Amino acid sequence: MLAAAGAIAATATLPASAASRCFGTVAKGRLEDGVALPAAGTNFSAYSRLGVTAGRTHVHSTVRDIVVDAYVQLAAALPGTVFVYGETGWAGGGRIRPHRSHQNGLSVDFFVPVRDAAGVSVPLPTGVTNKLGYSIEFDAAGRFDDLRIDFAAIAEHLFQLAESARRHAAGLALVIFDPPYLPMLLATPRGEWLREHVNFMKGRAWVRHDEHYHVDFQVTCAPLA
């Protein structure tokens, strides 16, 4: 309860900002009045101080509210589980290399939650030696060194994101995760719900999504002029 209360307090103190406006698509778009995700909370943190400082963690204001609200719910549903989010986009949207999407404030990378050899939830190590986490390679069983992917935590996170999006009159448009891992994800307690309600990308993306799962949110955007 204390963790949830702390996360709720953090949410309540989010700075007031104008509602963002998105244009075009995640692959070709822009953003007005983008807002930065909080750098850290009770049960989550950004992947890199450098990335935050460089402005690579901005999103549409509705997406910010969805993501933070979901972390509040996770603090209650999975106490002791920690989460790390990755890159999102620029405050004004547009191309953010090396990503092929992330252009209109509706895309967020979430690094996989992991547990160590003792079964303790720990942050995925992200630093300059592994390209801020993006060059980590998990094996077919979801293991990297002494860490293993917490598939149940990913499933619960996606559920809470979808529920939070619904409360904010939005949705999840697409989730990209390494296809060989989907059977393990769908075997979790939330598996049947995910199978019915989440649109997973069919086939492989242009890069392997094993160390992170990519979420495109469904928010109405204006055409790109």
C-alpha atoms as a PDB file:
ATOM      1  CA  MET A   1       0.000   0.000   0.000  1.00  0.00           C
ATOM      2  CA  LEU A   2       2.866   2.394   0.738  1.00  0.00           C
ATOM      3  CA  ALA A   3       4.326   1.841  -2.738  1.00  0.00           C
ATOM      4  CA  ALA A   4       0.992   2.525  -4.369  1.00  0.00           C
ATOM      5  CA  ALA A   5       0.466   5.616  -2.247  1.00  0.00           C
ATOM      6  CA  GLY A   6       3.892   6.911  -3.231  1.00  0.00           C
ATOM      7  CA  ALA A   7       3.195   6.361  -6.899  1.00  0.00           C
ATOM      8  CA  ILE A   8      -0.190   8.055  -6.593  1.00  0.00           C
ATOM      9  CA  ALA A   9       1.453  11.037  -4.921  1.00  0.00           C
ATOM     10  CA  ALA A  10       3.981  11.245  -7.733  1.00  0.00           C
ATOM     11  CA  THR A  11       1.164  11.207 -10.275  1.00  0.00           C
ATOM     12  CA  ALA A  12      -0.717  13.939  -8.459  1.00  0.00           C
ATOM     13  CA  THR A  13       2.283  16.244  -8.680  1.00  0.00           C
ATOM     14  CA  LEU A  14       2.798  15.932 -12.437  1.00  0.00           C
ATOM     15  CA  PRO A  15       3.319  19.430 -13.825  1.00  0.00           C
ATOM     16  CA  ALA A  16       0.312  20.976 -15.511  1.00  0.00           C
ATOM     17  CA  SER A  17       0.753  21.283 -19.255  1.00  0.00           C
ATOM     18  CA  ALA A  18      -1.233  22.071 -22.353  1.00  0.00           C
ATOM     19  CA  ALA A  19      -2.796  19.109 -24.080  1.00  0.00           C
ATOM     20  CA  SER A  20      -0.509  17.825 -26.802  1.00  0.00           C
ATOM     21  CA  ARG A  21      -1.518  17.610 -30.462  1.00  0.00           C
ATOM     22  CA  CYS A  22      -0.244  14.829 -32.691  1.00  0.00           C
ATOM     23  CA  PHE A  23      -0.091  14.837 -36.478  1.00  0.00           C
ATOM     24  CA  GLY A  24       0.329  12.069 -39.013  1.00  0.00           C
ATOM     25  CA  THR A  25       1.437   8.588 -38.009  1.00  0.00           C
ATOM     26  CA  VAL A  26       4.066   7.028 -35.801  1.00  0.00           C
ATOM     27  CA  ALA A  27       6.174   6.470 -38.941  1.00  0.00           C
ATOM     28  CA  LYS A  28       5.687   9.953 -40.388  1.00  0.00           C
ATOM     29  CA  GLY A  29       4.455  12.616 -38.044  1.00  0.00           C
ATOM     30  CA  ARG A  30       5.074  15.397 -35.608  1.00  0.00           C
ATOM     31  CA  LEU A  31       3.975  16.556 -32.170  1.00  0.00           C
ATOM     32  CA  GLU A  32       2.994  19.864 -30.576  1.00  0.00           C
ATOM     33  CA  ASP A  33       3.383  20.531 -26.840  1.00  0.00           C
ATOM     34  CA  GLY A  34       4.995  17.165 -26.171  1.00  0.00           C
ATOM     35  CA  VAL A  35       5.723  16.382 -22.517  1.00  0.00           C
ATOM     36  CA  ALA A  36       8.511  14.390 -20.905  1.00  0.00           C
ATOM     37  CA  LEU A  37       7.787  11.220 -18.995  1.00  0.00           C
ATOM     38  CA  PRO A  38       8.844  11.450 -15.338  1.00  0.00           C
ATOM     39  CA  ALA A  39      12.465  10.353 -14.975  1.00  0.00           C
ATOM     40  CA  ALA A  40      11.580   8.041 -12.085  1.00  0.00           C
ATOM     41  CA  GLY A  41       8.789   6.974  -9.764  1.00  0.00           C
ATOM     42  CA  THR A  42       8.139   4.526  -6.953  1.00  0.00           C
ATOM     43  CA  ASN A  43       8.477   1.463  -9.165  1.00  0.00           C
ATOM     44  CA  PHE A  44       9.947   2.747 -12.439  1.00  0.00           C
ATOM     45  CA  SER A  45      12.806   4.701 -13.957  1.00  0.00           C
ATOM     46  CA  ALA A  46      14.019   5.948 -17.308  1.00  0.00           C
ATOM     47  CA  TYR A  47      16.658   3.989 -19.170  1.00  0.00           C
ATOM     48  CA  SER A  48      19.252   6.764 -19.125  1.00  0.00           C
ATOM     49  CA  ARG A  49      19.861  10.159 -17.531  1.00  0.00           C
ATOM     50  CA  LEU A  50      21.627  11.088 -20.740  1.00  0.00           C
ATOM     51  CA  GLY A  51      18.582  10.171 -22.803  1.00  0.00           C
ATOM     52  CA  VAL A  52      16.302  12.181 -20.523  1.00  0.00           C
ATOM     53  CA  THR A  53      18.607  15.205 -20.625  1.00  0.00           C
ATOM     54  CA  ALA A  54      18.878  14.970 -24.403  1.00  0.00           C
ATOM     55  CA  GLY A  55      15.079  15.175 -24.682  1.00  0.00           C
ATOM     56  CA  ARG A  56      14.509  11.655 -26.037  1.00  0.00           C
ATOM     57  CA  THR A  57      11.677  10.761 -23.612  1.00  0.00           C
ATOM     58  CA  HIS A  58       8.849  13.059 -24.747  1.00  0.00           C
ATOM     59  CA  VAL A  59       5.350  11.830 -25.583  1.00  0.00           C
ATOM     60  CA  HIS A  60       1.826  13.067 -26.184  1.00  0.00           C
ATOM     61  CA  SER A  61       0.313  14.321 -22.907  1.00  0.00           C
ATOM     62  CA  THR A  62      -2.368  11.606 -22.997  1.00  0.00           C
ATOM     63  CA  VAL A  63       0.307   8.934 -23.398  1.00  0.00           C
ATOM     64  CA  ARG A  64       2.209  10.397 -20.436  1.00  0.00           C
ATOM     65  CA  ASP A  65      -0.917  10.149 -18.291  1.00  0.00           C
ATOM     66  CA  ILE A  66      -1.606   6.573 -19.442  1.00  0.00           C
ATOM     67  CA  VAL A  67       1.945   5.384 -18.762  1.00  0.00           C
ATOM     68  CA  VAL A  68       2.165   6.934 -15.296  1.00  0.00           C
ATOM     69  CA  ASP A  69      -1.324   5.758 -14.331  1.00  0.00           C
ATOM     70  CA  ALA A  70      -0.385   2.211 -15.330  1.00  0.00           C
ATOM     71  CA  TYR A  71       2.701   2.348 -13.105  1.00  0.00           C
ATOM     72  CA  VAL A  72       0.450   3.373 -10.198  1.00  0.00           C
ATOM     73  CA  GLN A  73      -1.716   0.316 -10.770  1.00  0.00           C
ATOM     74  CA  LEU A  74       1.349  -1.927 -11.105  1.00  0.00           C
ATOM     75  CA  ALA A  75       2.678  -0.755  -7.745  1.00  0.00           C
ATOM     76  CA  ALA A  76      -0.436  -2.235  -6.169  1.00  0.00           C
ATOM     77  CA  ALA A  77      -0.758  -5.304  -8.419  1.00  0.00           C
ATOM     78  CA  LEU A  78       2.937  -6.289  -8.391  1.00  0.00           C
ATOM     79  CA  PRO A  79       4.552  -4.768  -5.279  1.00  0.00           C
ATOM     80  CA  GLY A  80       8.327  -5.043  -5.415  1.00  0.00           C
ATOM     81  CA  THR A  81       8.487  -5.342  -9.202  1.00  0.00           C
ATOM     82  CA  VAL A  82      10.507  -2.617 -10.911  1.00  0.00           C
ATOM     83  CA  PHE A  83      10.175  -1.348 -14.455  1.00  0.00           C
ATOM     84  CA  VAL A  84      12.381   0.601 -16.873  1.00  0.00           C
ATOM     85  CA  TYR A  85      11.137   2.522 -19.873  1.00  0.00           C
ATOM     86  CA  GLY A  86      13.259   3.339 -22.912  1.00  0.00           C
ATOM     87  CA  GLU A  87      13.117   5.876 -25.698  1.00  0.00           C
ATOM     88  CA  THR A  88       9.970   7.654 -26.807  1.00  0.00           C
ATOM     89  CA  GLY A  89      10.587  10.711 -29.002  1.00  0.00           C
ATOM     90  CA  TRP A  90      11.338  14.415 -29.302  1.00  0.00           C
ATOM     91  CA  ALA A  91       9.108  17.146 -27.850  1.00  0.00           C
ATOM     92  CA  GLY A  92       8.227  18.186 -31.392  1.00  0.00           C
ATOM     93  CA  GLY A  93       8.146  14.688 -32.832  1.00  0.00           C
ATOM     94  CA  GLY A  94       9.753  13.846 -36.174  1.00  0.00           C
ATOM     95  CA  ARG A  95      12.511  11.335 -36.913  1.00  0.00           C
ATOM     96  CA  ILE A  96      14.484  10.200 -33.874  1.00  0.00           C
ATOM     97  CA  ARG A  97      17.275   7.942 -35.039  1.00  0.00           C
ATOM     98  CA  PRO A  98      17.720   5.015 -35.116  1.00  0.00           C
ATOM     99  CA  HIS A  99      13.985   4.418 -34.717  1.00  0.00           C
ATOM    100  CA  ARG A 100      11.760   4.082 -37.769  1.00  0.00           C
ATOM    101  CA  SER A 101       8.688   5.204 -35.842  1.00  0.00           C
ATOM    102  CA  HIS A 102       8.346   7.242 -32.589  1.00  0.00           C
ATOM    103  CA  GLN A 103       7.494  10.331 -34.654  1.00  0.00           C
ATOM    104  CA  ASN A 104       4.204  11.677 -33.281  1.00  0.00           C
ATOM    105  CA  GLY A 105       4.381  11.095 -29.529  1.00  0.00           C
ATOM    106  CA  LEU A 106       2.444   7.831 -29.454  1.00  0.00           C
ATOM    107  CA  SER A 107       5.320   5.315 -29.266  1.00  0.00           C
ATOM    108  CA  VAL A 108       7.071   4.092 -26.114  1.00  0.00           C
ATOM    109  CA  ASP A 109       9.779   1.462 -25.670  1.00  0.00           C
ATOM    110  CA  PHE A 110       9.570  -0.490 -22.417  1.00  0.00           C
ATOM    111  CA  PHE A 111      12.569  -2.566 -21.364  1.00  0.00           C
ATOM    112  CA  VAL A 112      11.669  -6.054 -20.203  1.00  0.00           C
ATOM    113  CA  PRO A 113      11.328  -6.445 -16.433  1.00  0.00           C
ATOM    114  CA  VAL A 114      13.807  -9.030 -15.198  1.00  0.00           C
ATOM    115  CA  ARG A 115      14.579 -11.130 -12.134  1.00  0.00           C
ATOM    116  CA  ASP A 116      18.031 -12.118 -10.919  1.00  0.00           C
ATOM    117  CA  ALA A 117      19.268 -15.559  -9.896  1.00  0.00           C
ATOM    118  CA  ALA A 118      17.611 -15.162  -6.498  1.00  0.00           C
ATOM    119  CA  GLY A 119      14.279 -14.304  -8.101  1.00  0.00           C
ATOM    120  CA  VAL A 120      14.427 -10.641  -7.102  1.00  0.00           C
ATOM    121  CA  SER A 121      13.056  -8.035  -9.504  1.00  0.00           C
ATOM    122  CA  VAL A 122      15.903  -5.754 -10.597  1.00  0.00           C
ATOM    123  CA  PRO A 123      16.254  -3.067 -13.279  1.00  0.00           C
ATOM    124  CA  LEU A 124      17.679  -4.216 -16.576  1.00  0.00           C
ATOM    125  CA  PRO A 125      21.238  -2.810 -16.720  1.00  0.00           C
ATOM    126  CA  THR A 126      21.342  -0.009 -19.283  1.00  0.00           C
ATOM    127  CA  GLY A 127      24.589   1.831 -19.951  1.00  0.00           C
ATOM    128  CA  VAL A 128      27.046   2.958 -22.577  1.00  0.00           C
ATOM    129  CA  THR A 129      28.610  -0.507 -22.824  1.00  0.00           C
ATOM    130  CA  ASN A 130      25.349  -2.055 -24.078  1.00  0.00           C
ATOM    131  CA  LYS A 131      24.015   0.902 -26.105  1.00  0.00           C
ATOM    132  CA  LEU A 132      21.823   2.016 -23.196  1.00  0.00           C
ATOM    133  CA  GLY A 133      20.297  -1.458 -23.019  1.00  0.00           C
ATOM    134  CA  TYR A 134      19.377  -1.783 -26.669  1.00  0.00           C
ATOM    135  CA  SER A 135      22.233  -4.153 -27.559  1.00  0.00           C
ATOM    136  CA  ILE A 136      21.419  -6.711 -24.851  1.00  0.00           C
ATOM    137  CA  GLU A 137      20.615 -10.113 -26.367  1.00  0.00           C
ATOM    138  CA  PHE A 138      18.434 -12.594 -24.477  1.00  0.00           C
ATOM    139  CA  ASP A 139      18.535 -16.274 -25.393  1.00  0.00           C
ATOM    140  CA  ALA A 140      15.635 -18.421 -26.554  1.00  0.00           C
ATOM    141  CA  ALA A 141      14.589 -19.049 -22.952  1.00  0.00           C
ATOM    142  CA  GLY A 142      14.579 -15.331 -22.127  1.00  0.00           C
ATOM    143  CA  ARG A 143      17.859 -15.328 -20.198  1.00  0.00           C
ATOM    144  CA  PHE A 144      20.823 -12.947 -20.227  1.00  0.00           C
ATOM    145  CA  ASP A 145      23.715 -13.675 -17.847  1.00  0.00           C
ATOM    146  CA  ASP A 146      22.000 -14.341 -14.486  1.00  0.00           C
ATOM    147  CA  LEU A 147      18.852 -12.438 -15.452  1.00  0.00           C
ATOM    148  CA  ARG A 148      15.600 -13.851 -16.808  1.00  0.00           C
ATOM    149  CA  ILE A 149      12.669 -12.046 -18.369  1.00  0.00           C
ATOM    150  CA  ASP A 150       9.639 -11.730 -16.089  1.00  0.00           C
ATOM    151  CA  PHE A 151       6.940 -12.555 -18.653  1.00  0.00           C
ATOM    152  CA  ALA A 152       4.157 -12.368 -16.085  1.00  0.00           C
ATOM    153  CA  ALA A 153       5.175  -8.796 -15.251  1.00  0.00           C
ATOM    154  CA  ILE A 154       5.157  -7.838 -18.944  1.00  0.00           C
ATOM    155  CA  ALA A 155       1.672  -9.317 -19.332  1.00  0.00           C
ATOM    156  CA  GLU A 156       0.390  -7.431 -16.295  1.00  0.00           C
ATOM    157  CA  HIS A 157       2.013  -4.232 -17.561  1.00  0.00           C
ATOM    158  CA  LEU A 158       0.273  -4.541 -20.938  1.00  0.00           C
ATOM    159  CA  PHE A 159      -3.025  -5.203 -19.202  1.00  0.00           C
ATOM    160  CA  GLN A 160      -2.637  -2.132 -16.995  1.00  0.00           C
ATOM    161  CA  LEU A 161      -1.581   0.012 -19.970  1.00  0.00           C
ATOM    162  CA  ALA A 162      -4.689  -1.054 -21.860  1.00  0.00           C
ATOM    163  CA  GLU A 163      -6.965  -0.398 -18.882  1.00  0.00           C
ATOM    164  CA  SER A 164      -5.338   2.984 -18.265  1.00  0.00           C
ATOM    165  CA  ALA A 165      -5.682   3.862 -21.943  1.00  0.00           C
ATOM    166  CA  ARG A 166      -9.388   2.996 -21.787  1.00  0.00           C
ATOM    167  CA  ARG A 167      -9.832   5.319 -18.817  1.00  0.00           C
ATOM    168  CA  HIS A 168      -8.209   8.086 -20.865  1.00  0.00           C
ATOM    169  CA  ALA A 169     -10.420   7.449 -23.914  1.00  0.00           C
ATOM    170  CA  ALA A 170      -7.480   5.955 -25.832  1.00  0.00           C
ATOM    171  CA  GLY A 171      -6.142   2.480 -26.578  1.00  0.00           C
ATOM    172  CA  LEU A 172      -3.213   0.287 -27.564  1.00  0.00           C
ATOM    173  CA  ALA A 173      -2.770   0.286 -31.336  1.00  0.00           C
ATOM    174  CA  LEU A 174       0.159  -2.136 -31.659  1.00  0.00           C
ATOM    175  CA  VAL A 175       2.629  -4.050 -29.494  1.00  0.00           C
ATOM    176  CA  ILE A 176       5.927  -5.277 -30.927  1.00  0.00           C
ATOM    177  CA  PHE A 177       7.695  -8.084 -29.047  1.00  0.00           C
ATOM    178  CA  ASP A 178      10.002 -10.819 -30.306  1.00  0.00           C
ATOM    179  CA  PRO A 179       7.608 -13.422 -31.813  1.00  0.00           C
ATOM    180  CA  PRO A 180       9.346 -16.496 -30.288  1.00  0.00           C
ATOM    181  CA  TYR A 181       8.600 -15.045 -26.839  1.00  0.00           C
ATOM    182  CA  LEU A 182       4.863 -14.685 -27.431  1.00  0.00           C
ATOM    183  CA  PRO A 183       3.996 -18.267 -26.352  1.00  0.00           C
ATOM    184  CA  MET A 184       5.731 -17.629 -23.015  1.00  0.00           C
ATOM    185  CA  LEU A 185       3.908 -14.325 -22.639  1.00  0.00           C
ATOM    186  CA  LEU A 186       0.550 -15.876 -23.491  1.00  0.00           C
ATOM    187  CA  ALA A 187       1.133 -18.692 -20.986  1.00  0.00           C
ATOM    188  CA  THR A 188       0.981 -16.203 -18.077  1.00  0.00           C
ATOM    189  CA  PRO A 189      -2.172 -15.545 -15.999  1.00  0.00           C
ATOM    190  CA  ARG A 190      -3.045 -12.609 -18.284  1.00  0.00           C
ATOM    191  CA  GLY A 191      -2.352 -14.633 -21.413  1.00  0.00           C
ATOM    192  CA  GLU A 192      -5.917 -15.240 -22.541  1.00  0.00           C
ATOM    193  CA  TRP A 193      -6.780 -11.593 -22.039  1.00  0.00           C
ATOM    194  CA  LEU A 194      -3.761 -10.551 -24.099  1.00  0.00           C
ATOM    195  CA  ARG A 195      -4.689 -12.983 -26.855  1.00  0.00           C
ATOM    196  CA  GLU A 196      -8.144 -11.424 -27.142  1.00  0.00           C
ATOM    197  CA  HIS A 197      -7.370  -7.734 -26.623  1.00  0.00           C
ATOM    198  CA  VAL A 198      -3.814  -6.894 -27.738  1.00  0.00           C
ATOM    199  CA  ASN A 199      -2.727  -6.469 -31.348  1.00  0.00           C
ATOM    200  CA  PHE A 200       0.755  -7.976 -31.516  1.00  0.00           C
ATOM    201  CA  MET A 201       2.803  -7.346 -34.641  1.00  0.00           C
ATOM    202  CA  LYS A 202       2.793 -10.368 -36.890  1.00  0.00           C
ATOM    203  CA  GLY A 203       6.297 -11.420 -37.911  1.00  0.00           C
ATOM    204  CA  ARG A 204       9.573  -9.812 -36.955  1.00  0.00           C
ATOM    205  CA  ALA A 205      10.327  -6.106 -36.899  1.00  0.00           C
ATOM    206  CA  TRP A 206      13.398  -4.655 -38.592  1.00  0.00           C
ATOM    207  CA  VAL A 207      15.339  -5.186 -35.344  1.00  0.00           C
ATOM    208  CA  ARG A 208      14.831  -7.908 -32.776  1.00  0.00           C
ATOM    209  CA  HIS A 209      12.592  -6.790 -29.899  1.00  0.00           C
ATOM    210  CA  ASP A 210      13.857  -9.096 -27.175  1.00  0.00           C
ATOM    211  CA  GLU A 211      15.238  -6.631 -24.614  1.00  0.00           C
ATOM    212  CA  HIS A 212      12.260  -4.302 -24.986  1.00  0.00           C
ATOM    213  CA  TYR A 213       8.658  -4.278 -26.131  1.00  0.00           C
ATOM    214  CA  HIS A 214       7.409  -1.390 -28.239  1.00  0.00           C
ATOM    215  CA  VAL A 215       3.917   0.024 -27.714  1.00  0.00           C
ATOM    216  CA  ASP A 216       2.068   2.342 -30.107  1.00  0.00           C
ATOM    217  CA  PHE A 217      -0.877   4.031 -28.397  1.00  0.00           C
ATOM    218  CA  GLN A 218      -4.156   4.812 -30.124  1.00  0.00           C
ATOM    219  CA  VAL A 219      -4.875   8.539 -29.878  1.00  0.00           C
ATOM    220  CA  THR A 220      -6.657  10.577 -32.544  1.00  0.00           C
ATOM    221  CA  CYS A 221      -4.183  12.685 -34.555  1.00  0.00           C
ATOM    222  CA  ALA A 222      -4.687  15.381 -37.167  1.00  0.00           C
ATOM    223  CA  PRO A 223      -3.451  14.792 -40.722  1.00  0.00           C
ATOM    224  CA  LEU A 224       0.145  15.729 -41.382  1.00  0.00           C
ATOM    225  CA  ALA A 225       0.132  18.901 -43.479  1.00  0.00           C
END
